[in-house]
Amino acid sequence: QLSQKRSEASEQRGKSMRIIDFHTHIFPDAIAPRAVAGLQQGVRDADLGFDDRAFSDGTYSGLIKSMDRAGVDISVLLPVATRAAQTEGINNGAAELDRGGRVISFGAVYPCEEALACVEGLAERGFKGIKLHGDFQNFHADDESMLPLYRRCGELGLTIVMHAGLDCVSPDDVHVTPERMARVLDRVSGVTFVLAHMGGCRMEFEAARLLSGAENVFFDTSYTAGRLSPEEMRELISSYGANRVLFASDSPWNDPADVIALLESCGLTEKEKQCIFSLNGEKLLGIG
């Protein structure tokens, strides 16, 4: 039945609509099995009812295979540095991957004294944005120390993708909540944020209440398949506006084909689907 839905969705989209998956993850081949297994175990240990399945093996080649199955044209990679010492190696590897044509990698930044110099270097190298994850990087979205980093990214034209909402690694201390992001937006301007998981995993409707209409804020659909119903997704898209929503899977943690099927079942207009699947992503990435 799911296979049939995927086929019907592909026919409905037609061949002219490019699909950009704005939120994916991979690991170096040598550590991918261990990294994926470790994250899966973390989900099981947290016991919060999250799906611990991985829909690819977490490698570059595995991502490309899942893209091909789902009809995804371009994926945005979002590496996360859990220590400052990791950033140089991660970003050097990310720059090499950009040459493949199917992926565009954002940069890794660890919030520390060297963070401003790091984002300046990423901008000079042509990166389009950065990924921040408060739970893995031990900061809260509205920490005073984070504001200069946000502002510098705005000055450099770097988009900031933020993990938002609950994460199994820190279930008792949600580091990026809609309320905290609302305080950030009161303090900084001219910065483009993408809030993952439709504004906050398990906090989506609070995000819609507090953040709808916020300037320069986008919301991605990562890790929504199996969590949100078509009716809930439709309501959130209506709250934010299709021009503020980005198609995203969180691969390997959702199959992009399943997220596509979810969006296709929401009763969206062709214009809304074009915005979500391609136009909004093209705008942020500066591609036509």
C-alpha atoms as a PDB file:
ATOM      1  CA  GLN A   1       0.000   0.000   0.000  1.00  0.00           C
ATOM      2  CA  LEU A   2       2.814   2.417   0.857  1.00  0.00           C
ATOM      3  CA  SER A   3       4.575   1.524  -2.398  1.00  0.00           C
ATOM      4  CA  GLN A   4       1.386   2.355  -4.300  1.00  0.00           C
ATOM      5  CA  LYS A   5       1.111   5.709  -2.508  1.00  0.00           C
ATOM      6  CA  ARG A   6       4.710   6.505  -3.413  1.00  0.00           C
ATOM      7  CA  SER A   7       4.055   5.685  -7.073  1.00  0.00           C
ATOM      8  CA  GLU A   8       0.899   7.787  -7.165  1.00  0.00           C
ATOM      9  CA  ALA A   9       2.705  10.677  -5.451  1.00  0.00           C
ATOM     10  CA  SER A  10       5.487  10.556  -8.026  1.00  0.00           C
ATOM     11  CA  GLU A  11       2.972  10.689 -10.875  1.00  0.00           C
ATOM     12  CA  GLN A  12       1.126  13.608  -9.293  1.00  0.00           C
ATOM     13  CA  ARG A  13       4.320  15.631  -8.883  1.00  0.00           C
ATOM     14  CA  GLY A  14       5.286  15.168 -12.488  1.00  0.00           C
ATOM     15  CA  LYS A  15       8.815  15.254 -13.803  1.00  0.00           C
ATOM     16  CA  SER A  16       9.273  19.015 -13.802  1.00  0.00           C
ATOM     17  CA  MET A  17       9.337  19.588 -10.030  1.00  0.00           C
ATOM     18  CA  ARG A  18      12.767  19.345  -8.450  1.00  0.00           C
ATOM     19  CA  ILE A  19      12.797  17.915  -4.922  1.00  0.00           C
ATOM     20  CA  ILE A  20      15.268  19.243  -2.364  1.00  0.00           C
ATOM     21  CA  ASP A  21      15.600  17.399   0.947  1.00  0.00           C
ATOM     22  CA  PHE A  22      16.782  20.146   3.292  1.00  0.00           C
ATOM     23  CA  HIS A  23      17.739  17.988   6.294  1.00  0.00           C
ATOM     24  CA  THR A  24      19.870  14.850   6.002  1.00  0.00           C
ATOM     25  CA  HIS A  25      22.787  13.253   7.836  1.00  0.00           C
ATOM     26  CA  ILE A  26      25.643  10.962   6.851  1.00  0.00           C
ATOM     27  CA  PHE A  27      28.779   9.669   8.541  1.00  0.00           C
ATOM     28  CA  PRO A  28      32.168   8.579   7.198  1.00  0.00           C
ATOM     29  CA  ASP A  29      31.975   5.005   5.932  1.00  0.00           C
ATOM     30  CA  ALA A  30      34.378   3.753   8.604  1.00  0.00           C
ATOM     31  CA  ILE A  31      32.241   4.917  11.531  1.00  0.00           C
ATOM     32  CA  ALA A  32      28.722   4.910  10.054  1.00  0.00           C
ATOM     33  CA  PRO A  33      27.671   1.497  11.458  1.00  0.00           C
ATOM     34  CA  ARG A  34      28.837   2.425  14.945  1.00  0.00           C
ATOM     35  CA  ALA A  35      27.343   5.929  14.785  1.00  0.00           C
ATOM     36  CA  VAL A  36      23.940   4.756  13.584  1.00  0.00           C
ATOM     37  CA  ALA A  37      23.826   1.928  16.118  1.00  0.00           C
ATOM     38  CA  GLY A  38      24.796   4.280  18.940  1.00  0.00           C
ATOM     39  CA  LEU A  39      22.061   6.763  18.074  1.00  0.00           C
ATOM     40  CA  GLN A  40      19.508   3.968  17.788  1.00  0.00           C
ATOM     41  CA  GLN A  41      20.484   2.717  21.228  1.00  0.00           C
ATOM     42  CA  GLY A  42      20.061   6.235  22.586  1.00  0.00           C
ATOM     43  CA  VAL A  43      16.499   6.310  21.260  1.00  0.00           C
ATOM     44  CA  ARG A  44      15.730   2.984  22.914  1.00  0.00           C
ATOM     45  CA  ASP A  45      17.307   4.049  26.203  1.00  0.00           C
ATOM     46  CA  ALA A  46      15.288   7.268  26.326  1.00  0.00           C
ATOM     47  CA  ASP A  47      12.061   5.248  25.933  1.00  0.00           C
ATOM     48  CA  LEU A  48      10.044   8.209  24.650  1.00  0.00           C
ATOM     49  CA  GLY A  49       8.188   6.369  21.943  1.00  0.00           C
ATOM     50  CA  PHE A  50      10.383   7.518  19.072  1.00  0.00           C
ATOM     51  CA  ASP A  51      10.956   5.233  16.082  1.00  0.00           C
ATOM     52  CA  ASP A  52      14.524   3.906  16.237  1.00  0.00           C
ATOM     53  CA  ARG A  53      14.626   2.577  12.666  1.00  0.00           C
ATOM     54  CA  ALA A  54      17.250   3.808  10.223  1.00  0.00           C
ATOM     55  CA  PHE A  55      16.185   3.984   6.589  1.00  0.00           C
ATOM     56  CA  SER A  56      19.684   3.988   5.141  1.00  0.00           C
ATOM     57  CA  ASP A  57      23.059   2.820   6.410  1.00  0.00           C
ATOM     58  CA  GLY A  58      24.126   6.389   7.227  1.00  0.00           C
ATOM     59  CA  THR A  59      26.740   6.595   4.449  1.00  0.00           C
ATOM     60  CA  TYR A  60      26.951   8.889   1.425  1.00  0.00           C
ATOM     61  CA  SER A  61      26.170   6.002  -0.928  1.00  0.00           C
ATOM     62  CA  GLY A  62      23.267   4.927   1.252  1.00  0.00           C
ATOM     63  CA  LEU A  63      21.832   8.428   1.138  1.00  0.00           C
ATOM     64  CA  ILE A  64      22.111   8.549  -2.657  1.00  0.00           C
ATOM     65  CA  LYS A  65      20.294   5.207  -2.935  1.00  0.00           C
ATOM     66  CA  SER A  66      17.437   6.445  -0.743  1.00  0.00           C
ATOM     67  CA  MET A  67      17.260   9.662  -2.773  1.00  0.00           C
ATOM     68  CA  ASP A  68      17.027   7.698  -6.004  1.00  0.00           C
ATOM     69  CA  ARG A  69      14.247   5.498  -4.623  1.00  0.00           C
ATOM     70  CA  ALA A  70      12.238   8.527  -3.503  1.00  0.00           C
ATOM     71  CA  GLY A  71      12.947  10.768  -6.480  1.00  0.00           C
ATOM     72  CA  VAL A  72      14.921  13.354  -4.493  1.00  0.00           C
ATOM     73  CA  ASP A  73      17.240  15.484  -6.625  1.00  0.00           C
ATOM     74  CA  ILE A  74      19.381  17.284  -4.019  1.00  0.00           C
ATOM     75  CA  SER A  75      19.970  16.681  -0.324  1.00  0.00           C
ATOM     76  CA  VAL A  76      21.326  19.187   2.168  1.00  0.00           C
ATOM     77  CA  LEU A  77      23.753  17.597   4.617  1.00  0.00           C
ATOM     78  CA  LEU A  78      23.728  18.921   8.173  1.00  0.00           C
ATOM     79  CA  PRO A  79      26.849  17.819  10.069  1.00  0.00           C
ATOM     80  CA  VAL A  80      26.939  18.347  13.836  1.00  0.00           C
ATOM     81  CA  ALA A  81      30.201  18.893  15.714  1.00  0.00           C
ATOM     82  CA  THR A  82      30.025  17.640  19.291  1.00  0.00           C
ATOM     83  CA  ARG A  83      33.498  19.005  20.086  1.00  0.00           C
ATOM     84  CA  ALA A  84      35.333  22.070  18.800  1.00  0.00           C
ATOM     85  CA  ALA A  85      38.224  19.914  17.618  1.00  0.00           C
ATOM     86  CA  GLN A  86      35.946  18.111  15.165  1.00  0.00           C
ATOM     87  CA  THR A  87      34.983  21.119  13.082  1.00  0.00           C
ATOM     88  CA  GLU A  88      37.992  21.374  10.776  1.00  0.00           C
ATOM     89  CA  GLY A  89      37.910  17.730   9.750  1.00  0.00           C
ATOM     90  CA  ILE A  90      34.143  17.676   9.310  1.00  0.00           C
ATOM     91  CA  ASN A  91      34.135  20.822   7.193  1.00  0.00           C
ATOM     92  CA  ASN A  92      37.016  19.682   5.016  1.00  0.00           C
ATOM     93  CA  GLY A  93      35.145  16.466   4.314  1.00  0.00           C
ATOM     94  CA  ALA A  94      31.926  18.372   3.667  1.00  0.00           C
ATOM     95  CA  ALA A  95      33.620  20.592   1.106  1.00  0.00           C
ATOM     96  CA  GLU A  96      34.778  17.508  -0.788  1.00  0.00           C
ATOM     97  CA  LEU A  97      31.289  16.011  -0.822  1.00  0.00           C
ATOM     98  CA  ASP A  98      29.849  19.159  -2.395  1.00  0.00           C
ATOM     99  CA  ARG A  99      31.614  18.230  -5.610  1.00  0.00           C
ATOM    100  CA  GLY A 100      29.354  15.221  -6.145  1.00  0.00           C
ATOM    101  CA  GLY A 101      26.433  17.246  -7.491  1.00  0.00           C
ATOM    102  CA  ARG A 102      23.685  15.485  -5.524  1.00  0.00           C
ATOM    103  CA  VAL A 103      24.401  17.011  -2.113  1.00  0.00           C
ATOM    104  CA  ILE A 104      25.039  20.453  -0.683  1.00  0.00           C
ATOM    105  CA  SER A 105      26.640  20.384   2.740  1.00  0.00           C
ATOM    106  CA  PHE A 106      26.249  23.012   5.401  1.00  0.00           C
ATOM    107  CA  GLY A 107      29.108  23.616   7.789  1.00  0.00           C
ATOM    108  CA  ALA A 108      29.701  22.344  11.289  1.00  0.00           C
ATOM    109  CA  VAL A 109      30.209  24.904  14.057  1.00  0.00           C
ATOM    110  CA  TYR A 110      30.738  24.238  17.734  1.00  0.00           C
ATOM    111  CA  PRO A 111      29.640  27.112  20.021  1.00  0.00           C
ATOM    112  CA  CYS A 112      32.855  28.279  21.657  1.00  0.00           C
ATOM    113  CA  GLU A 113      35.323  31.182  21.527  1.00  0.00           C
ATOM    114  CA  GLU A 114      36.409  30.200  18.012  1.00  0.00           C
ATOM    115  CA  ALA A 115      32.869  30.007  16.606  1.00  0.00           C
ATOM    116  CA  LEU A 116      32.880  33.450  14.966  1.00  0.00           C
ATOM    117  CA  ALA A 117      36.150  32.740  13.183  1.00  0.00           C
ATOM    118  CA  CYS A 118      34.747  29.370  12.128  1.00  0.00           C
ATOM    119  CA  VAL A 119      31.642  30.824  10.453  1.00  0.00           C
ATOM    120  CA  GLU A 120      33.742  33.496   8.761  1.00  0.00           C
ATOM    121  CA  GLY A 121      35.922  30.747   7.302  1.00  0.00           C
ATOM    122  CA  LEU A 122      32.877  28.794   6.172  1.00  0.00           C
ATOM    123  CA  ALA A 123      31.470  31.850   4.399  1.00  0.00           C
ATOM    124  CA  GLU A 124      34.779  32.432   2.632  1.00  0.00           C
ATOM    125  CA  ARG A 125      34.730  28.815   1.416  1.00  0.00           C
ATOM    126  CA  GLY A 126      31.242  29.203  -0.046  1.00  0.00           C
ATOM    127  CA  PHE A 127      29.158  27.277   2.456  1.00  0.00           C
ATOM    128  CA  LYS A 128      25.479  28.242   2.449  1.00  0.00           C
ATOM    129  CA  GLY A 129      24.756  27.729   6.122  1.00  0.00           C
ATOM    130  CA  ILE A 130      25.457  25.933   9.387  1.00  0.00           C
ATOM    131  CA  LYS A 131      23.748  23.383  11.629  1.00  0.00           C
ATOM    132  CA  LEU A 132      23.379  23.876  15.373  1.00  0.00           C
ATOM    133  CA  HIS A 133      22.021  21.317  17.834  1.00  0.00           C
ATOM    134  CA  GLY A 134      21.565  22.619  21.361  1.00  0.00           C
ATOM    135  CA  ASP A 135      21.086  19.206  22.928  1.00  0.00           C
ATOM    136  CA  PHE A 136      24.276  17.729  21.484  1.00  0.00           C
ATOM    137  CA  GLN A 137      26.248  20.971  21.799  1.00  0.00           C
ATOM    138  CA  ASN A 138      25.035  21.958  25.274  1.00  0.00           C
ATOM    139  CA  PHE A 139      23.562  25.409  24.687  1.00  0.00           C
ATOM    140  CA  HIS A 140      20.083  26.882  24.988  1.00  0.00           C
ATOM    141  CA  ALA A 141      18.763  28.807  22.008  1.00  0.00           C
ATOM    142  CA  ASP A 142      18.365  32.061  23.943  1.00  0.00           C
ATOM    143  CA  ASP A 143      21.688  31.968  25.794  1.00  0.00           C
ATOM    144  CA  GLU A 144      23.252  35.418  25.693  1.00  0.00           C
ATOM    145  CA  SER A 145      26.507  33.874  24.473  1.00  0.00           C
ATOM    146  CA  MET A 146      24.789  32.578  21.300  1.00  0.00           C
ATOM    147  CA  LEU A 147      23.482  35.927  20.071  1.00  0.00           C
ATOM    148  CA  PRO A 148      26.774  37.175  18.534  1.00  0.00           C
ATOM    149  CA  LEU A 149      27.038  33.927  16.561  1.00  0.00           C
ATOM    150  CA  TYR A 150      23.526  34.321  15.184  1.00  0.00           C
ATOM    151  CA  ARG A 151      24.155  37.941  14.258  1.00  0.00           C
ATOM    152  CA  ARG A 152      27.436  37.149  12.516  1.00  0.00           C
ATOM    153  CA  CYS A 153      25.739  34.439  10.452  1.00  0.00           C
ATOM    154  CA  GLY A 154      23.148  37.006   9.414  1.00  0.00           C
ATOM    155  CA  GLU A 155      25.856  39.438   8.355  1.00  0.00           C
ATOM    156  CA  LEU A 156      27.603  36.708   6.360  1.00  0.00           C
ATOM    157  CA  GLY A 157      24.408  35.455   4.720  1.00  0.00           C
ATOM    158  CA  LEU A 158      24.645  32.005   6.340  1.00  0.00           C
ATOM    159  CA  THR A 159      21.383  30.191   7.039  1.00  0.00           C
ATOM    160  CA  ILE A 160      21.175  28.583  10.487  1.00  0.00           C
ATOM    161  CA  VAL A 161      19.404  25.230  10.739  1.00  0.00           C
ATOM    162  CA  MET A 162      18.484  24.522  14.361  1.00  0.00           C
ATOM    163  CA  HIS A 163      17.326  21.272  15.850  1.00  0.00           C
ATOM    164  CA  ALA A 164      14.107  22.269  17.600  1.00  0.00           C
ATOM    165  CA  GLY A 165      12.056  20.499  20.219  1.00  0.00           C
ATOM    166  CA  LEU A 166      12.552  17.249  22.094  1.00  0.00           C
ATOM    167  CA  ASP A 167      15.583  15.053  21.513  1.00  0.00           C
ATOM    168  CA  CYS A 168      16.293  11.685  23.093  1.00  0.00           C
ATOM    169  CA  VAL A 169      19.781  12.758  24.160  1.00  0.00           C
ATOM    170  CA  SER A 170      18.350  15.362  26.562  1.00  0.00           C
ATOM    171  CA  PRO A 171      14.682  14.612  27.259  1.00  0.00           C
ATOM    172  CA  ASP A 172      14.569  16.501  30.552  1.00  0.00           C
ATOM    173  CA  ASP A 173      16.095  19.719  29.224  1.00  0.00           C
ATOM    174  CA  VAL A 174      14.812  20.817  25.816  1.00  0.00           C
ATOM    175  CA  HIS A 175      17.419  23.265  24.620  1.00  0.00           C
ATOM    176  CA  VAL A 176      15.575  24.830  21.676  1.00  0.00           C
ATOM    177  CA  THR A 177      11.904  25.423  22.420  1.00  0.00           C
ATOM    178  CA  PRO A 178       9.478  27.701  20.571  1.00  0.00           C
ATOM    179  CA  GLU A 179       9.452  30.018  23.587  1.00  0.00           C
ATOM    180  CA  ARG A 180      13.248  30.299  23.598  1.00  0.00           C
ATOM    181  CA  MET A 181      13.286  30.930  19.835  1.00  0.00           C
ATOM    182  CA  ALA A 182      10.674  33.654  20.242  1.00  0.00           C
ATOM    183  CA  ARG A 183      13.036  35.369  22.691  1.00  0.00           C
ATOM    184  CA  VAL A 184      15.904  34.997  20.199  1.00  0.00           C
ATOM    185  CA  LEU A 185      13.846  36.613  17.454  1.00  0.00           C
ATOM    186  CA  ASP A 186      13.112  39.545  19.758  1.00  0.00           C
ATOM    187  CA  ARG A 187      16.861  40.079  20.149  1.00  0.00           C
ATOM    188  CA  VAL A 188      18.287  39.471  16.668  1.00  0.00           C
ATOM    189  CA  SER A 189      17.220  40.424  13.166  1.00  0.00           C
ATOM    190  CA  GLY A 190      18.400  39.784   9.641  1.00  0.00           C
ATOM    191  CA  VAL A 191      19.191  36.125  10.387  1.00  0.00           C
ATOM    192  CA  THR A 192      17.565  33.295   8.446  1.00  0.00           C
ATOM    193  CA  PHE A 193      16.661  30.386  10.719  1.00  0.00           C
ATOM    194  CA  VAL A 194      15.339  26.980   9.702  1.00  0.00           C
ATOM    195  CA  LEU A 195      13.656  25.309  12.665  1.00  0.00           C
ATOM    196  CA  ALA A 196      13.670  21.566  12.221  1.00  0.00           C
ATOM    197  CA  HIS A 197      10.774  19.196  12.850  1.00  0.00           C
ATOM    198  CA  MET A 198       8.089  21.760  11.930  1.00  0.00           C
ATOM    199  CA  GLY A 199       9.267  24.175  14.603  1.00  0.00           C
ATOM    200  CA  GLY A 200       9.894  21.736  17.428  1.00  0.00           C
ATOM    201  CA  CYS A 201       9.628  17.974  17.783  1.00  0.00           C
ATOM    202  CA  ARG A 202       6.523  17.327  19.909  1.00  0.00           C
ATOM    203  CA  MET A 203       6.164  21.108  20.235  1.00  0.00           C
ATOM    204  CA  GLU A 204       4.906  21.814  16.716  1.00  0.00           C
ATOM    205  CA  PHE A 205       1.658  23.498  17.642  1.00  0.00           C
ATOM    206  CA  GLU A 206       3.277  25.642  20.316  1.00  0.00           C
ATOM    207  CA  ALA A 207       5.715  26.726  17.598  1.00  0.00           C
ATOM    208  CA  ALA A 208       2.829  27.531  15.265  1.00  0.00           C
ATOM    209  CA  ARG A 209       1.231  29.636  17.982  1.00  0.00           C
ATOM    210  CA  LEU A 210       4.383  31.559  18.882  1.00  0.00           C
ATOM    211  CA  LEU A 211       6.368  31.713  15.646  1.00  0.00           C
ATOM    212  CA  SER A 212       3.926  31.903  12.739  1.00  0.00           C
ATOM    213  CA  GLY A 213       4.609  35.059  10.780  1.00  0.00           C
ATOM    214  CA  ALA A 214       8.133  35.462  12.185  1.00  0.00           C
ATOM    215  CA  GLU A 215      10.440  37.164   9.723  1.00  0.00           C
ATOM    216  CA  ASN A 216      13.161  35.057   8.067  1.00  0.00           C
ATOM    217  CA  VAL A 217      12.087  31.832   9.792  1.00  0.00           C
ATOM    218  CA  PHE A 218      11.447  28.595   7.900  1.00  0.00           C
ATOM    219  CA  PHE A 219      10.203  25.248   9.197  1.00  0.00           C
ATOM    220  CA  ASP A 220      11.291  21.863   7.859  1.00  0.00           C
ATOM    221  CA  THR A 221       9.334  18.619   7.685  1.00  0.00           C
ATOM    222  CA  SER A 222      12.130  16.392   8.999  1.00  0.00           C
ATOM    223  CA  TYR A 223      11.148  13.353  11.081  1.00  0.00           C
ATOM    224  CA  THR A 224       7.408  13.943  10.672  1.00  0.00           C
ATOM    225  CA  ALA A 225       6.431  10.734   8.835  1.00  0.00           C
ATOM    226  CA  GLY A 226       4.893   8.387  11.386  1.00  0.00           C
ATOM    227  CA  ARG A 227       4.529  11.206  13.930  1.00  0.00           C
ATOM    228  CA  LEU A 228       2.151  13.715  12.347  1.00  0.00           C
ATOM    229  CA  SER A 229      -1.102  12.920  10.594  1.00  0.00           C
ATOM    230  CA  PRO A 230      -1.989  14.492   7.233  1.00  0.00           C
ATOM    231  CA  GLU A 231      -4.531  16.668   9.052  1.00  0.00           C
ATOM    232  CA  GLU A 232      -1.931  17.890  11.548  1.00  0.00           C
ATOM    233  CA  MET A 233       0.578  18.589   8.787  1.00  0.00           C
ATOM    234  CA  ARG A 234      -2.029  20.484   6.789  1.00  0.00           C
ATOM    235  CA  GLU A 235      -2.873  22.614   9.832  1.00  0.00           C
ATOM    236  CA  LEU A 236       0.778  23.450  10.476  1.00  0.00           C
ATOM    237  CA  ILE A 237       1.432  24.358   6.843  1.00  0.00           C
ATOM    238  CA  SER A 238      -1.638  26.597   6.889  1.00  0.00           C
ATOM    239  CA  SER A 239      -0.354  28.302  10.049  1.00  0.00           C
ATOM    240  CA  TYR A 240       3.142  28.933   8.709  1.00  0.00           C
ATOM    241  CA  GLY A 241       2.315  29.386   5.029  1.00  0.00           C
ATOM    242  CA  ALA A 242       3.687  27.063   2.346  1.00  0.00           C
ATOM    243  CA  ASN A 243       6.276  29.713   1.472  1.00  0.00           C
ATOM    244  CA  ARG A 244       7.901  29.048   4.885  1.00  0.00           C
ATOM    245  CA  VAL A 245       8.000  25.239   4.828  1.00  0.00           C
ATOM    246  CA  LEU A 246      10.873  23.118   3.498  1.00  0.00           C
ATOM    247  CA  PHE A 247      10.668  19.473   2.513  1.00  0.00           C
ATOM    248  CA  ALA A 248      13.074  17.475   4.681  1.00  0.00           C
ATOM    249  CA  SER A 249      13.394  13.902   5.892  1.00  0.00           C
ATOM    250  CA  ASP A 250      16.082  13.761   8.608  1.00  0.00           C
ATOM    251  CA  SER A 251      17.542  10.814   6.673  1.00  0.00           C
ATOM    252  CA  PRO A 252      18.420   8.193   7.817  1.00  0.00           C
ATOM    253  CA  TRP A 253      15.749   8.644  10.527  1.00  0.00           C
ATOM    254  CA  ASN A 254      12.861   9.059   8.081  1.00  0.00           C
ATOM    255  CA  ASP A 255      12.566   7.669   4.594  1.00  0.00           C
ATOM    256  CA  PRO A 256      12.200  10.673   2.259  1.00  0.00           C
ATOM    257  CA  ALA A 257       9.594   8.684   0.311  1.00  0.00           C
ATOM    258  CA  ASP A 258       7.431   8.464   3.446  1.00  0.00           C
ATOM    259  CA  VAL A 259       7.621  12.219   4.060  1.00  0.00           C
ATOM    260  CA  ILE A 260       6.752  12.843   0.413  1.00  0.00           C
ATOM    261  CA  ALA A 261       3.736  10.540   0.776  1.00  0.00           C
ATOM    262  CA  LEU A 262       2.667  12.423   3.919  1.00  0.00           C
ATOM    263  CA  LEU A 263       2.810  15.772   2.141  1.00  0.00           C
ATOM    264  CA  GLU A 264       1.009  14.390  -0.898  1.00  0.00           C
ATOM    265  CA  SER A 265      -1.862  13.292   1.358  1.00  0.00           C
ATOM    266  CA  CYS A 266      -2.398  16.772   2.836  1.00  0.00           C
ATOM    267  CA  GLY A 267      -4.524  18.198   0.033  1.00  0.00           C
ATOM    268  CA  LEU A 268      -1.941  20.820  -0.919  1.00  0.00           C
ATOM    269  CA  THR A 269      -2.266  22.831  -4.094  1.00  0.00           C
ATOM    270  CA  GLU A 270       0.320  22.381  -6.825  1.00  0.00           C
ATOM    271  CA  LYS A 271       1.734  25.811  -5.994  1.00  0.00           C
ATOM    272  CA  GLU A 272       2.059  24.906  -2.313  1.00  0.00           C
ATOM    273  CA  LYS A 273       3.830  21.661  -3.188  1.00  0.00           C
ATOM    274  CA  GLN A 274       6.188  23.474  -5.530  1.00  0.00           C
ATOM    275  CA  CYS A 275       7.097  25.905  -2.756  1.00  0.00           C
ATOM    276  CA  ILE A 276       7.714  23.151  -0.211  1.00  0.00           C
ATOM    277  CA  PHE A 277       9.510  20.649  -2.429  1.00  0.00           C
ATOM    278  CA  SER A 278      11.719  23.031  -4.386  1.00  0.00           C
ATOM    279  CA  LEU A 279      11.209  26.808  -4.517  1.00  0.00           C
ATOM    280  CA  ASN A 280      11.842  27.577  -0.843  1.00  0.00           C
ATOM    281  CA  GLY A 281      14.957  25.418  -0.767  1.00  0.00           C
ATOM    282  CA  GLU A 282      16.244  26.936  -4.006  1.00  0.00           C
ATOM    283  CA  LYS A 283      15.800  30.398  -2.507  1.00  0.00           C
ATOM    284  CA  LEU A 284      17.821  29.594   0.617  1.00  0.00           C
ATOM    285  CA  LEU A 285      20.520  27.769  -1.330  1.00  0.00           C
ATOM    286  CA  GLY A 286      20.768  30.408  -4.050  1.00  0.00           C
ATOM    287  CA  ILE A 287      20.158  27.959  -6.882  1.00  0.00           C
ATOM    288  CA  GLY A 288      17.684  28.219  -9.767  1.00  0.00           C
END
